[in-house]
Amino acid sequence: MNTSKTQDERIAKMIFASVYPLYIKKLESKGRTIAELNQVIEWLTNYDAQALKTLIAEKATFETFFKRAQLNPHAKLITGVICGYRIEAIENPLTQQVRYLDKLVDELAKGKKMEKILRG
């Protein structure tokens, strides 16, 4: 599935530090914790808490965030629809990676068990 070039560029330039608090707000309103969010992010990207703090302080874009990440080899198992797009059909690799993270956060917010979220 093709996303528009404009949309892909907008996602690439988004600052992770501006989205992270929105993830926290969403999850805390559903009774989940920052520690669980960080666990999901670490599974996907291999970033520990200190690396996350550094990226937030740097105001890293999603492009930088995922360029430095060591993506989990099981990330390809993340499938489904997010923001109206089927994740596995997104052709732009960066947009797909951002949608992986969005999907994991959604699953966490919906109360899915951590063992199911952390595929493989």
PDB file of N, CA and C in Angstrom:
ATOM      1  N   MET A   1       0.845  -1.182   0.000  1.00  0.00           N
ATOM      2  CA  MET A   1       0.000   0.000   0.000  1.00  0.00           C
ATOM      3  C   MET A   1       0.882   1.233   0.000  1.00  0.00           C
ATOM      4  N   ASN A   2       0.601   2.120  -0.880  1.00  0.00           N
ATOM      5  CA  ASN A   2       1.354   3.368  -0.968  1.00  0.00           C
ATOM      6  C   ASN A   2       0.764   4.415  -0.034  1.00  0.00           C
ATOM      7  N   THR A   3       1.624   5.019   0.743  1.00  0.00           N
ATOM      8  CA  THR A   3       1.246   6.213   1.479  1.00  0.00           C
ATOM      9  C   THR A   3       1.784   7.375   0.653  1.00  0.00           C
ATOM     10  N   SER A   4       1.243   8.540   0.859  1.00  0.00           N
ATOM     11  CA  SER A   4       1.720   9.662   0.046  1.00  0.00           C
ATOM     12  C   SER A   4       3.117  10.085   0.491  1.00  0.00           C
ATOM     13  N   LYS A   5       3.864  10.629  -0.445  1.00  0.00           N
ATOM     14  CA  LYS A   5       5.214  11.104  -0.145  1.00  0.00           C
ATOM     15  C   LYS A   5       5.162  12.171   0.946  1.00  0.00           C
ATOM     16  N   THR A   6       4.167  13.038   0.879  1.00  0.00           N
ATOM     17  CA  THR A   6       4.009  14.089   1.880  1.00  0.00           C
ATOM     18  C   THR A   6       3.783  13.489   3.264  1.00  0.00           C
ATOM     19  N   GLN A   7       2.936  12.472   3.323  1.00  0.00           N
ATOM     20  CA  GLN A   7       2.665  11.819   4.605  1.00  0.00           C
ATOM     21  C   GLN A   7       3.927  11.139   5.146  1.00  0.00           C
ATOM     22  N   ASP A   8       4.662  10.445   4.279  1.00  0.00           N
ATOM     23  CA  ASP A   8       5.895   9.790   4.700  1.00  0.00           C
ATOM     24  C   ASP A   8       6.914  10.806   5.222  1.00  0.00           C
ATOM     25  N   GLU A   9       7.032  11.943   4.551  1.00  0.00           N
ATOM     26  CA  GLU A   9       7.966  12.987   4.984  1.00  0.00           C
ATOM     27  C   GLU A   9       7.534  13.593   6.318  1.00  0.00           C
ATOM     28  N   ARG A  10       6.235  13.787   6.478  1.00  0.00           N
ATOM     29  CA  ARG A  10       5.719  14.348   7.734  1.00  0.00           C
ATOM     30  C   ARG A  10       6.024  13.405   8.902  1.00  0.00           C
ATOM     31  N   ILE A  11       5.818  12.117   8.686  1.00  0.00           N
ATOM     32  CA  ILE A  11       6.100  11.131   9.734  1.00  0.00           C
ATOM     33  C   ILE A  11       7.595  11.119  10.049  1.00  0.00           C
ATOM     34  N   ALA A  12       8.437  11.147   9.038  1.00  0.00           N
ATOM     35  CA  ALA A  12       9.887  11.109   9.235  1.00  0.00           C
ATOM     36  C   ALA A  12      10.373  12.296  10.067  1.00  0.00           C
ATOM     37  N   LYS A  13       9.746  13.457   9.886  1.00  0.00           N
ATOM     38  CA  LYS A  13      10.191  14.675  10.573  1.00  0.00           C
ATOM     39  C   LYS A  13       9.541  14.891  11.938  1.00  0.00           C
ATOM     40  N   MET A  14       8.580  14.041  12.288  1.00  0.00           N
ATOM     41  CA  MET A  14       7.949  14.178  13.607  1.00  0.00           C
ATOM     42  C   MET A  14       8.986  13.913  14.689  1.00  0.00           C
ATOM     43  N   ILE A  15       8.914  14.685  15.749  1.00  0.00           N
ATOM     44  CA  ILE A  15       9.840  14.545  16.867  1.00  0.00           C
ATOM     45  C   ILE A  15       9.299  13.486  17.822  1.00  0.00           C
ATOM     46  N   PHE A  16      10.109  12.459  18.080  1.00  0.00           N
ATOM     47  CA  PHE A  16       9.682  11.385  18.976  1.00  0.00           C
ATOM     48  C   PHE A  16       9.260  11.937  20.333  1.00  0.00           C
ATOM     49  N   ALA A  17       9.993  12.920  20.842  1.00  0.00           N
ATOM     50  CA  ALA A  17       9.690  13.498  22.156  1.00  0.00           C
ATOM     51  C   ALA A  17       8.310  14.147  22.206  1.00  0.00           C
ATOM     52  N   SER A  18       7.765  14.532  21.070  1.00  0.00           N
ATOM     53  CA  SER A  18       6.424  15.133  21.063  1.00  0.00           C
ATOM     54  C   SER A  18       5.332  14.066  21.046  1.00  0.00           C
ATOM     55  N   VAL A  19       5.660  12.872  20.583  1.00  0.00           N
ATOM     56  CA  VAL A  19       4.687  11.786  20.510  1.00  0.00           C
ATOM     57  C   VAL A  19       4.713  10.925  21.778  1.00  0.00           C
ATOM     58  N   TYR A  20       5.866  10.757  22.370  1.00  0.00           N
ATOM     59  CA  TYR A  20       6.033   9.910  23.558  1.00  0.00           C
ATOM     60  C   TYR A  20       5.045  10.267  24.674  1.00  0.00           C
ATOM     61  N   PRO A  21       4.865  11.557  25.023  1.00  0.00           N
ATOM     62  CA  PRO A  21       3.886  11.885  26.075  1.00  0.00           C
ATOM     63  C   PRO A  21       2.447  11.509  25.688  1.00  0.00           C
ATOM     64  N   LEU A  22       2.151  11.519  24.406  1.00  0.00           N
ATOM     65  CA  LEU A  22       0.820  11.112  23.950  1.00  0.00           C
ATOM     66  C   LEU A  22       0.625   9.612  24.148  1.00  0.00           C
ATOM     67  N   TYR A  23       1.675   8.838  23.903  1.00  0.00           N
ATOM     68  CA  TYR A  23       1.622   7.403  24.183  1.00  0.00           C
ATOM     69  C   TYR A  23       1.373   7.182  25.681  1.00  0.00           C
ATOM     70  N   ILE A  24       2.113   7.914  26.512  1.00  0.00           N
ATOM     71  CA  ILE A  24       1.972   7.777  27.965  1.00  0.00           C
ATOM     72  C   ILE A  24       0.540   8.102  28.391  1.00  0.00           C
ATOM     73  N   LYS A  25       0.026   9.206  27.920  1.00  0.00           N
ATOM     74  CA  LYS A  25      -1.331   9.629  28.278  1.00  0.00           C
ATOM     75  C   LYS A  25      -2.360   8.570  27.880  1.00  0.00           C
ATOM     76  N   LYS A  26      -2.233   8.068  26.675  1.00  0.00           N
ATOM     77  CA  LYS A  26      -3.158   7.051  26.182  1.00  0.00           C
ATOM     78  C   LYS A  26      -3.106   5.805  27.069  1.00  0.00           C
ATOM     79  N   LEU A  27      -1.910   5.359  27.385  1.00  0.00           N
ATOM     80  CA  LEU A  27      -1.753   4.129  28.157  1.00  0.00           C
ATOM     81  C   LEU A  27      -2.165   4.292  29.614  1.00  0.00           C
ATOM     82  N   GLU A  28      -1.782   5.401  30.219  1.00  0.00           N
ATOM     83  CA  GLU A  28      -2.153   5.613  31.619  1.00  0.00           C
ATOM     84  C   GLU A  28      -3.666   5.724  31.781  1.00  0.00           C
ATOM     85  N   SER A  29      -4.349   6.285  30.788  1.00  0.00           N
ATOM     86  CA  SER A  29      -5.810   6.381  30.875  1.00  0.00           C
ATOM     87  C   SER A  29      -6.459   4.998  30.786  1.00  0.00           C
ATOM     88  N   LYS A  30      -5.721   4.018  30.293  1.00  0.00           N
ATOM     89  CA  LYS A  30      -6.223   2.640  30.198  1.00  0.00           C
ATOM     90  C   LYS A  30      -5.642   1.741  31.285  1.00  0.00           C
ATOM     91  N   GLY A  31      -4.956   2.349  32.256  1.00  0.00           N
ATOM     92  CA  GLY A  31      -4.423   1.582  33.377  1.00  0.00           C
ATOM     93  C   GLY A  31      -3.093   0.898  33.111  1.00  0.00           C
ATOM     94  N   ARG A  32      -2.412   1.283  32.051  1.00  0.00           N
ATOM     95  CA  ARG A  32      -1.099   0.714  31.768  1.00  0.00           C
ATOM     96  C   ARG A  32      -0.026   1.684  32.249  1.00  0.00           C
ATOM     97  N   THR A  33       1.219   1.226  32.285  1.00  0.00           N
ATOM     98  CA  THR A  33       2.287   2.020  32.891  1.00  0.00           C
ATOM     99  C   THR A  33       3.345   2.463  31.880  1.00  0.00           C
ATOM    100  N   ILE A  34       4.115   3.454  32.298  1.00  0.00           N
ATOM    101  CA  ILE A  34       5.262   3.912  31.493  1.00  0.00           C
ATOM    102  C   ILE A  34       6.268   2.776  31.354  1.00  0.00           C
ATOM    103  N   ALA A  35       6.434   1.987  32.409  1.00  0.00           N
ATOM    104  CA  ALA A  35       7.365   0.863  32.344  1.00  0.00           C
ATOM    105  C   ALA A  35       6.949  -0.128  31.259  1.00  0.00           C
ATOM    106  N   GLU A  36       5.653  -0.359  31.115  1.00  0.00           N
ATOM    107  CA  GLU A  36       5.178  -1.261  30.065  1.00  0.00           C
ATOM    108  C   GLU A  36       5.420  -0.656  28.678  1.00  0.00           C
ATOM    109  N   LEU A  37       5.178   0.644  28.558  1.00  0.00           N
ATOM    110  CA  LEU A  37       5.455   1.330  27.296  1.00  0.00           C
ATOM    111  C   LEU A  37       6.934   1.188  26.944  1.00  0.00           C
ATOM    112  N   ASN A  38       7.789   1.447  27.903  1.00  0.00           N
ATOM    113  CA  ASN A  38       9.226   1.352  27.659  1.00  0.00           C
ATOM    114  C   ASN A  38       9.647  -0.075  27.312  1.00  0.00           C
ATOM    115  N   GLN A  39       8.982  -1.058  27.909  1.00  0.00           N
ATOM    116  CA  GLN A  39       9.276  -2.456  27.604  1.00  0.00           C
ATOM    117  C   GLN A  39       8.941  -2.767  26.144  1.00  0.00           C
ATOM    118  N   VAL A  40       7.811  -2.263  25.684  1.00  0.00           N
ATOM    119  CA  VAL A  40       7.398  -2.465  24.296  1.00  0.00           C
ATOM    120  C   VAL A  40       8.373  -1.767  23.341  1.00  0.00           C
ATOM    121  N   ILE A  41       8.757  -0.545  23.680  1.00  0.00           N
ATOM    122  CA  ILE A  41       9.708   0.197  22.836  1.00  0.00           C
ATOM    123  C   ILE A  41      11.055  -0.519  22.811  1.00  0.00           C
ATOM    124  N   GLU A  42      11.493  -1.013  23.960  1.00  0.00           N
ATOM    125  CA  GLU A  42      12.767  -1.720  24.012  1.00  0.00           C
ATOM    126  C   GLU A  42      12.712  -2.999  23.174  1.00  0.00           C
ATOM    127  N   TRP A  43      11.595  -3.719  23.246  1.00  0.00           N
ATOM    128  CA  TRP A  43      11.455  -4.937  22.437  1.00  0.00           C
ATOM    129  C   TRP A  43      11.579  -4.606  20.946  1.00  0.00           C
ATOM    130  N   LEU A  44      10.898  -3.549  20.515  1.00  0.00           N
ATOM    131  CA  LEU A  44      10.884  -3.201  19.098  1.00  0.00           C
ATOM    132  C   LEU A  44      12.224  -2.633  18.623  1.00  0.00           C
ATOM    133  N   THR A  45      12.844  -1.767  19.427  1.00  0.00           N
ATOM    134  CA  THR A  45      13.995  -0.980  18.967  1.00  0.00           C
ATOM    135  C   THR A  45      15.328  -1.314  19.616  1.00  0.00           C
ATOM    136  N   ASN A  46      15.286  -2.039  20.730  1.00  0.00           N
ATOM    137  CA  ASN A  46      16.468  -2.347  21.536  1.00  0.00           C
ATOM    138  C   ASN A  46      16.992  -1.124  22.298  1.00  0.00           C
ATOM    139  N   TYR A  47      16.147  -0.096  22.459  1.00  0.00           N
ATOM    140  CA  TYR A  47      16.527   1.067  23.259  1.00  0.00           C
ATOM    141  C   TYR A  47      16.170   0.827  24.722  1.00  0.00           C
ATOM    142  N   ASP A  48      17.158   0.983  25.603  1.00  0.00           N
ATOM    143  CA  ASP A  48      16.858   0.920  27.031  1.00  0.00           C
ATOM    144  C   ASP A  48      16.392   2.295  27.511  1.00  0.00           C
ATOM    145  N   ALA A  49      16.087   2.405  28.796  1.00  0.00           N
ATOM    146  CA  ALA A  49      15.553   3.657  29.342  1.00  0.00           C
ATOM    147  C   ALA A  49      16.510   4.829  29.123  1.00  0.00           C
ATOM    148  N   GLN A  50      17.803   4.596  29.278  1.00  0.00           N
ATOM    149  CA  GLN A  50      18.773   5.678  29.092  1.00  0.00           C
ATOM    150  C   GLN A  50      18.821   6.137  27.642  1.00  0.00           C
ATOM    151  N   ALA A  51      18.780   5.204  26.717  1.00  0.00           N
ATOM    152  CA  ALA A  51      18.787   5.564  25.291  1.00  0.00           C
ATOM    153  C   ALA A  51      17.540   6.372  24.942  1.00  0.00           C
ATOM    154  N   LEU A  52      16.393   5.976  25.505  1.00  0.00           N
ATOM    155  CA  LEU A  52      15.159   6.734  25.276  1.00  0.00           C
ATOM    156  C   LEU A  52      15.293   8.160  25.787  1.00  0.00           C
ATOM    157  N   LYS A  53      15.842   8.305  26.997  1.00  0.00           N
ATOM    158  CA  LYS A  53      16.028   9.648  27.566  1.00  0.00           C
ATOM    159  C   LYS A  53      16.915  10.504  26.667  1.00  0.00           C
ATOM    160  N   THR A  54      17.960   9.894  26.141  1.00  0.00           N
ATOM    161  CA  THR A  54      18.878  10.610  25.257  1.00  0.00           C
ATOM    162  C   THR A  54      18.165  11.061  23.983  1.00  0.00           C
ATOM    163  N   LEU A  55      17.411  10.163  23.376  1.00  0.00           N
ATOM    164  CA  LEU A  55      16.679  10.503  22.150  1.00  0.00           C
ATOM    165  C   LEU A  55      15.648  11.602  22.401  1.00  0.00           C
ATOM    166  N   ILE A  56      14.999  11.543  23.546  1.00  0.00           N
ATOM    167  CA  ILE A  56      14.014  12.572  23.906  1.00  0.00           C
ATOM    168  C   ILE A  56      14.713  13.909  24.105  1.00  0.00           C
ATOM    169  N   ALA A  57      15.832  13.899  24.821  1.00  0.00           N
ATOM    170  CA  ALA A  57      16.584  15.138  25.065  1.00  0.00           C
ATOM    171  C   ALA A  57      17.110  15.736  23.756  1.00  0.00           C
ATOM    172  N   GLU A  58      17.501  14.889  22.839  1.00  0.00           N
ATOM    173  CA  GLU A  58      18.006  15.347  21.528  1.00  0.00           C
ATOM    174  C   GLU A  58      16.893  15.850  20.614  1.00  0.00           C
ATOM    175  N   LYS A  59      15.660  15.554  20.992  1.00  0.00           N
ATOM    176  CA  LYS A  59      14.506  15.848  20.123  1.00  0.00           C
ATOM    177  C   LYS A  59      14.684  15.171  18.767  1.00  0.00           C
ATOM    178  N   ALA A  60      15.033  13.890  18.847  1.00  0.00           N
ATOM    179  CA  ALA A  60      15.258  13.096  17.638  1.00  0.00           C
ATOM    180  C   ALA A  60      13.965  12.927  16.853  1.00  0.00           C
ATOM    181  N   THR A  61      14.076  13.006  15.547  1.00  0.00           N
ATOM    182  CA  THR A  61      12.934  12.750  14.680  1.00  0.00           C
ATOM    183  C   THR A  61      12.708  11.231  14.627  1.00  0.00           C
ATOM    184  N   PHE A  62      11.539  10.840  14.114  1.00  0.00           N
ATOM    185  CA  PHE A  62      11.303   9.407  13.934  1.00  0.00           C
ATOM    186  C   PHE A  62      12.322   8.819  12.959  1.00  0.00           C
ATOM    187  N   GLU A  63      12.749   9.605  11.989  1.00  0.00           N
ATOM    188  CA  GLU A  63      13.758   9.124  11.050  1.00  0.00           C
ATOM    189  C   GLU A  63      15.040   8.750  11.795  1.00  0.00           C
ATOM    190  N   THR A  64      15.508   9.629  12.662  1.00  0.00           N
ATOM    191  CA  THR A  64      16.707   9.359  13.459  1.00  0.00           C
ATOM    192  C   THR A  64      16.454   8.223  14.444  1.00  0.00           C
ATOM    193  N   PHE A  65      15.290   8.263  15.087  1.00  0.00           N
ATOM    194  CA  PHE A  65      14.907   7.257  16.075  1.00  0.00           C
ATOM    195  C   PHE A  65      15.036   5.845  15.491  1.00  0.00           C
ATOM    196  N   PHE A  66      14.471   5.639  14.314  1.00  0.00           N
ATOM    197  CA  PHE A  66      14.498   4.298  13.732  1.00  0.00           C
ATOM    198  C   PHE A  66      15.796   4.002  12.977  1.00  0.00           C
ATOM    199  N   LYS A  67      16.499   5.022  12.535  1.00  0.00           N
ATOM    200  CA  LYS A  67      17.787   4.802  11.869  1.00  0.00           C
ATOM    201  C   LYS A  67      18.791   4.222  12.860  1.00  0.00           C
ATOM    202  N   ARG A  68      18.747   4.684  14.100  1.00  0.00           N
ATOM    203  CA  ARG A  68      19.669   4.211  15.137  1.00  0.00           C
ATOM    204  C   ARG A  68      19.206   2.913  15.801  1.00  0.00           C
ATOM    205  N   ALA A  69      17.960   2.570  15.641  1.00  0.00           N
ATOM    206  CA  ALA A  69      17.387   1.401  16.318  1.00  0.00           C
ATOM    207  C   ALA A  69      17.908   0.097  15.718  1.00  0.00           C
ATOM    208  N   GLN A  70      17.921  -0.915  16.555  1.00  0.00           N
ATOM    209  CA  GLN A  70      18.170  -2.274  16.089  1.00  0.00           C
ATOM    210  C   GLN A  70      16.809  -2.969  16.143  1.00  0.00           C
ATOM    211  N   LEU A  71      16.091  -2.907  15.047  1.00  0.00           N
ATOM    212  CA  LEU A  71      14.733  -3.410  15.007  1.00  0.00           C
ATOM    213  C   LEU A  71      14.691  -4.910  15.311  1.00  0.00           C
ATOM    214  N   ASN A  72      13.764  -5.291  16.152  1.00  0.00           N
ATOM    215  CA  ASN A  72      13.584  -6.684  16.514  1.00  0.00           C
ATOM    216  C   ASN A  72      13.273  -7.494  15.251  1.00  0.00           C
ATOM    217  N   PRO A  73      13.935  -8.633  15.070  1.00  0.00           N
ATOM    218  CA  PRO A  73      13.678  -9.432  13.870  1.00  0.00           C
ATOM    219  C   PRO A  73      12.236  -9.942  13.784  1.00  0.00           C
ATOM    220  N   HIS A  74      11.536  -9.987  14.902  1.00  0.00           N
ATOM    221  CA  HIS A  74      10.143 -10.440  14.914  1.00  0.00           C
ATOM    222  C   HIS A  74       9.160  -9.297  14.633  1.00  0.00           C
ATOM    223  N   ALA A  75       9.656  -8.103  14.364  1.00  0.00           N
ATOM    224  CA  ALA A  75       8.771  -6.964  14.093  1.00  0.00           C
ATOM    225  C   ALA A  75       7.876  -7.231  12.891  1.00  0.00           C
ATOM    226  N   LYS A  76       8.360  -8.012  11.944  1.00  0.00           N
ATOM    227  CA  LYS A  76       7.560  -8.330  10.751  1.00  0.00           C
ATOM    228  C   LYS A  76       6.288  -9.092  11.113  1.00  0.00           C
ATOM    229  N   LEU A  77       6.224  -9.641  12.324  1.00  0.00           N
ATOM    230  CA  LEU A  77       5.027 -10.359  12.765  1.00  0.00           C
ATOM    231  C   LEU A  77       3.916  -9.402  13.207  1.00  0.00           C
ATOM    232  N   ILE A  78       4.222  -8.111  13.275  1.00  0.00           N
ATOM    233  CA  ILE A  78       3.219  -7.109  13.646  1.00  0.00           C
ATOM    234  C   ILE A  78       2.376  -6.832  12.406  1.00  0.00           C
ATOM    235  N   THR A  79       1.120  -7.203  12.495  1.00  0.00           N
ATOM    236  CA  THR A  79       0.212  -7.042  11.361  1.00  0.00           C
ATOM    237  C   THR A  79      -1.085  -6.401  11.835  1.00  0.00           C
ATOM    238  N   GLY A  80      -1.918  -6.056  10.889  1.00  0.00           N
ATOM    239  CA  GLY A  80      -3.209  -5.469  11.216  1.00  0.00           C
ATOM    240  C   GLY A  80      -3.332  -4.077  10.645  1.00  0.00           C
ATOM    241  N   VAL A  81      -4.374  -3.397  11.078  1.00  0.00           N
ATOM    242  CA  VAL A  81      -4.673  -2.071  10.549  1.00  0.00           C
ATOM    243  C   VAL A  81      -4.416  -1.026  11.629  1.00  0.00           C
ATOM    244  N   ILE A  82      -3.754   0.040  11.224  1.00  0.00           N
ATOM    245  CA  ILE A  82      -3.526   1.179  12.111  1.00  0.00           C
ATOM    246  C   ILE A  82      -3.678   2.444  11.276  1.00  0.00           C
ATOM    247  N   CYS A  83      -4.447   3.379  11.777  1.00  0.00           N
ATOM    248  CA  CYS A  83      -4.693   4.634  11.070  1.00  0.00           C
ATOM    249  C   CYS A  83      -5.205   4.404   9.646  1.00  0.00           C
ATOM    250  N   GLY A  84      -5.975   3.346   9.468  1.00  0.00           N
ATOM    251  CA  GLY A  84      -6.570   3.060   8.172  1.00  0.00           C
ATOM    252  C   GLY A  84      -5.667   2.352   7.178  1.00  0.00           C
ATOM    253  N   TYR A  85      -4.462   1.988   7.597  1.00  0.00           N
ATOM    254  CA  TYR A  85      -3.514   1.317   6.707  1.00  0.00           C
ATOM    255  C   TYR A  85      -3.185  -0.069   7.243  1.00  0.00           C
ATOM    256  N   ARG A  86      -3.133  -1.043   6.372  1.00  0.00           N
ATOM    257  CA  ARG A  86      -2.691  -2.380   6.735  1.00  0.00           C
ATOM    258  C   ARG A  86      -1.175  -2.318   6.853  1.00  0.00           C
ATOM    259  N   ILE A  87      -0.664  -2.576   8.041  1.00  0.00           N
ATOM    260  CA  ILE A  87       0.759  -2.398   8.349  1.00  0.00           C
ATOM    261  C   ILE A  87       1.659  -3.182   7.393  1.00  0.00           C
ATOM    262  N   GLU A  88       1.317  -4.425   7.181  1.00  0.00           N
ATOM    263  CA  GLU A  88       2.195  -5.263   6.358  1.00  0.00           C
ATOM    264  C   GLU A  88       2.220  -4.842   4.884  1.00  0.00           C
ATOM    265  N   ALA A  89       1.302  -3.977   4.483  1.00  0.00           N
ATOM    266  CA  ALA A  89       1.246  -3.512   3.092  1.00  0.00           C
ATOM    267  C   ALA A  89       1.882  -2.139   2.888  1.00  0.00           C
ATOM    268  N   ILE A  90       2.337  -1.502   3.968  1.00  0.00           N
ATOM    269  CA  ILE A  90       2.973  -0.189   3.847  1.00  0.00           C
ATOM    270  C   ILE A  90       4.347  -0.373   3.203  1.00  0.00           C
ATOM    271  N   GLU A  91       4.595   0.355   2.131  1.00  0.00           N
ATOM    272  CA  GLU A  91       5.824   0.172   1.361  1.00  0.00           C
ATOM    273  C   GLU A  91       7.007   0.983   1.882  1.00  0.00           C
ATOM    274  N   ASN A  92       6.764   2.143   2.465  1.00  0.00           N
ATOM    275  CA  ASN A  92       7.859   2.961   2.976  1.00  0.00           C
ATOM    276  C   ASN A  92       8.345   2.344   4.293  1.00  0.00           C
ATOM    277  N   PRO A  93       9.607   1.909   4.371  1.00  0.00           N
ATOM    278  CA  PRO A  93      10.094   1.219   5.575  1.00  0.00           C
ATOM    279  C   PRO A  93       9.963   2.045   6.857  1.00  0.00           C
ATOM    280  N   LEU A  94      10.282   3.328   6.802  1.00  0.00           N
ATOM    281  CA  LEU A  94      10.186   4.154   8.005  1.00  0.00           C
ATOM    282  C   LEU A  94       8.739   4.298   8.460  1.00  0.00           C
ATOM    283  N   THR A  95       7.847   4.566   7.539  1.00  0.00           N
ATOM    284  CA  THR A  95       6.433   4.692   7.892  1.00  0.00           C
ATOM    285  C   THR A  95       5.934   3.382   8.490  1.00  0.00           C
ATOM    286  N   GLN A  96       6.357   2.271   7.927  1.00  0.00           N
ATOM    287  CA  GLN A  96       5.956   0.973   8.456  1.00  0.00           C
ATOM    288  C   GLN A  96       6.484   0.783   9.880  1.00  0.00           C
ATOM    289  N   GLN A  97       7.720   1.186  10.146  1.00  0.00           N
ATOM    290  CA  GLN A  97       8.291   1.041  11.483  1.00  0.00           C
ATOM    291  C   GLN A  97       7.547   1.895  12.511  1.00  0.00           C
ATOM    292  N   VAL A  98       7.203   3.111  12.131  1.00  0.00           N
ATOM    293  CA  VAL A  98       6.434   3.978  13.029  1.00  0.00           C
ATOM    294  C   VAL A  98       5.074   3.344  13.309  1.00  0.00           C
ATOM    295  N   ARG A  99       4.464   2.779  12.296  1.00  0.00           N
ATOM    296  CA  ARG A  99       3.159   2.118  12.476  1.00  0.00           C
ATOM    297  C   ARG A  99       3.283   0.852  13.311  1.00  0.00           C
ATOM    298  N   TYR A 100       4.431   0.170  13.251  1.00  0.00           N
ATOM    299  CA  TYR A 100       4.671  -0.952  14.167  1.00  0.00           C
ATOM    300  C   TYR A 100       4.544  -0.462  15.607  1.00  0.00           C
ATOM    301  N   LEU A 101       5.234   0.631  15.899  1.00  0.00           N
ATOM    302  CA  LEU A 101       5.202   1.176  17.252  1.00  0.00           C
ATOM    303  C   LEU A 101       3.791   1.587  17.633  1.00  0.00           C
ATOM    304  N   ASP A 102       3.085   2.259  16.735  1.00  0.00           N
ATOM    305  CA  ASP A 102       1.705   2.656  17.007  1.00  0.00           C
ATOM    306  C   ASP A 102       0.832   1.439  17.321  1.00  0.00           C
ATOM    307  N   LYS A 103       1.004   0.372  16.561  1.00  0.00           N
ATOM    308  CA  LYS A 103       0.209  -0.842  16.753  1.00  0.00           C
ATOM    309  C   LYS A 103       0.503  -1.471  18.104  1.00  0.00           C
ATOM    310  N   LEU A 104       1.771  -1.523  18.491  1.00  0.00           N
ATOM    311  CA  LEU A 104       2.129  -2.084  19.793  1.00  0.00           C
ATOM    312  C   LEU A 104       1.510  -1.271  20.930  1.00  0.00           C
ATOM    313  N   VAL A 105       1.552   0.050  20.796  1.00  0.00           N
ATOM    314  CA  VAL A 105       0.946   0.920  21.812  1.00  0.00           C
ATOM    315  C   VAL A 105      -0.564   0.682  21.866  1.00  0.00           C
ATOM    316  N   ASP A 106      -1.204   0.559  20.718  1.00  0.00           N
ATOM    317  CA  ASP A 106      -2.644   0.281  20.683  1.00  0.00           C
ATOM    318  C   ASP A 106      -2.972  -1.046  21.363  1.00  0.00           C
ATOM    319  N   GLU A 107      -2.186  -2.068  21.074  1.00  0.00           N
ATOM    320  CA  GLU A 107      -2.432  -3.369  21.693  1.00  0.00           C
ATOM    321  C   GLU A 107      -2.276  -3.299  23.204  1.00  0.00           C
ATOM    322  N   LEU A 108      -1.283  -2.574  23.659  1.00  0.00           N
ATOM    323  CA  LEU A 108      -1.075  -2.383  25.085  1.00  0.00           C
ATOM    324  C   LEU A 108      -2.265  -1.656  25.706  1.00  0.00           C
ATOM    325  N   ALA A 109      -2.723  -0.603  25.048  1.00  0.00           N
ATOM    326  CA  ALA A 109      -3.865   0.175  25.546  1.00  0.00           C
ATOM    327  C   ALA A 109      -5.143  -0.659  25.590  1.00  0.00           C
ATOM    328  N   LYS A 110      -5.268  -1.598  24.679  1.00  0.00           N
ATOM    329  CA  LYS A 110      -6.469  -2.436  24.623  1.00  0.00           C
ATOM    330  C   LYS A 110      -6.434  -3.577  25.637  1.00  0.00           C
ATOM    331  N   GLY A 111      -5.356  -3.651  26.410  1.00  0.00           N
ATOM    332  CA  GLY A 111      -5.277  -4.647  27.469  1.00  0.00           C
ATOM    333  C   GLY A 111      -4.711  -5.990  27.054  1.00  0.00           C
ATOM    334  N   LYS A 112      -4.138  -6.049  25.891  1.00  0.00           N
ATOM    335  CA  LYS A 112      -3.546  -7.294  25.429  1.00  0.00           C
ATOM    336  C   LYS A 112      -2.400  -7.681  26.357  1.00  0.00           C
ATOM    337  N   LYS A 113      -2.216  -8.973  26.577  1.00  0.00           N
ATOM    338  CA  LYS A 113      -1.151  -9.445  27.453  1.00  0.00           C
ATOM    339  C   LYS A 113       0.210  -9.195  26.802  1.00  0.00           C
ATOM    340  N   MET A 114       1.176  -8.864  27.631  1.00  0.00           N
ATOM    341  CA  MET A 114       2.514  -8.517  27.159  1.00  0.00           C
ATOM    342  C   MET A 114       3.123  -9.659  26.337  1.00  0.00           C
ATOM    343  N   GLU A 115       2.875 -10.911  26.728  1.00  0.00           N
ATOM    344  CA  GLU A 115       3.435 -12.034  25.984  1.00  0.00           C
ATOM    345  C   GLU A 115       2.942 -12.048  24.539  1.00  0.00           C
ATOM    346  N   LYS A 116       1.711 -11.616  24.325  1.00  0.00           N
ATOM    347  CA  LYS A 116       1.139 -11.577  22.973  1.00  0.00           C
ATOM    348  C   LYS A 116       1.685 -10.386  22.186  1.00  0.00           C
ATOM    349  N   ILE A 117       1.876  -9.265  22.882  1.00  0.00           N
ATOM    350  CA  ILE A 117       2.378  -8.052  22.230  1.00  0.00           C
ATOM    351  C   ILE A 117       3.810  -8.262  21.748  1.00  0.00           C
ATOM    352  N   LEU A 118       4.623  -8.882  22.594  1.00  0.00           N
ATOM    353  CA  LEU A 118       6.037  -9.108  22.276  1.00  0.00           C
ATOM    354  C   LEU A 118       6.159 -10.424  21.517  1.00  0.00           C
ATOM    355  N   ARG A 119       5.875 -10.350  20.271  1.00  0.00           N
ATOM    356  CA  ARG A 119       5.813 -11.528  19.410  1.00  0.00           C
ATOM    357  C   ARG A 119       7.135 -12.283  19.380  1.00  0.00           C
ATOM    358  N   GLY A 120       7.028 -13.597  19.214  1.00  0.00           N
ATOM    359  CA  GLY A 120       8.215 -14.418  19.059  1.00  0.00           C
ATOM    360  C   GLY A 120       8.810 -14.782  20.361  1.00  0.00           C
TER     361      GLY A 120
END
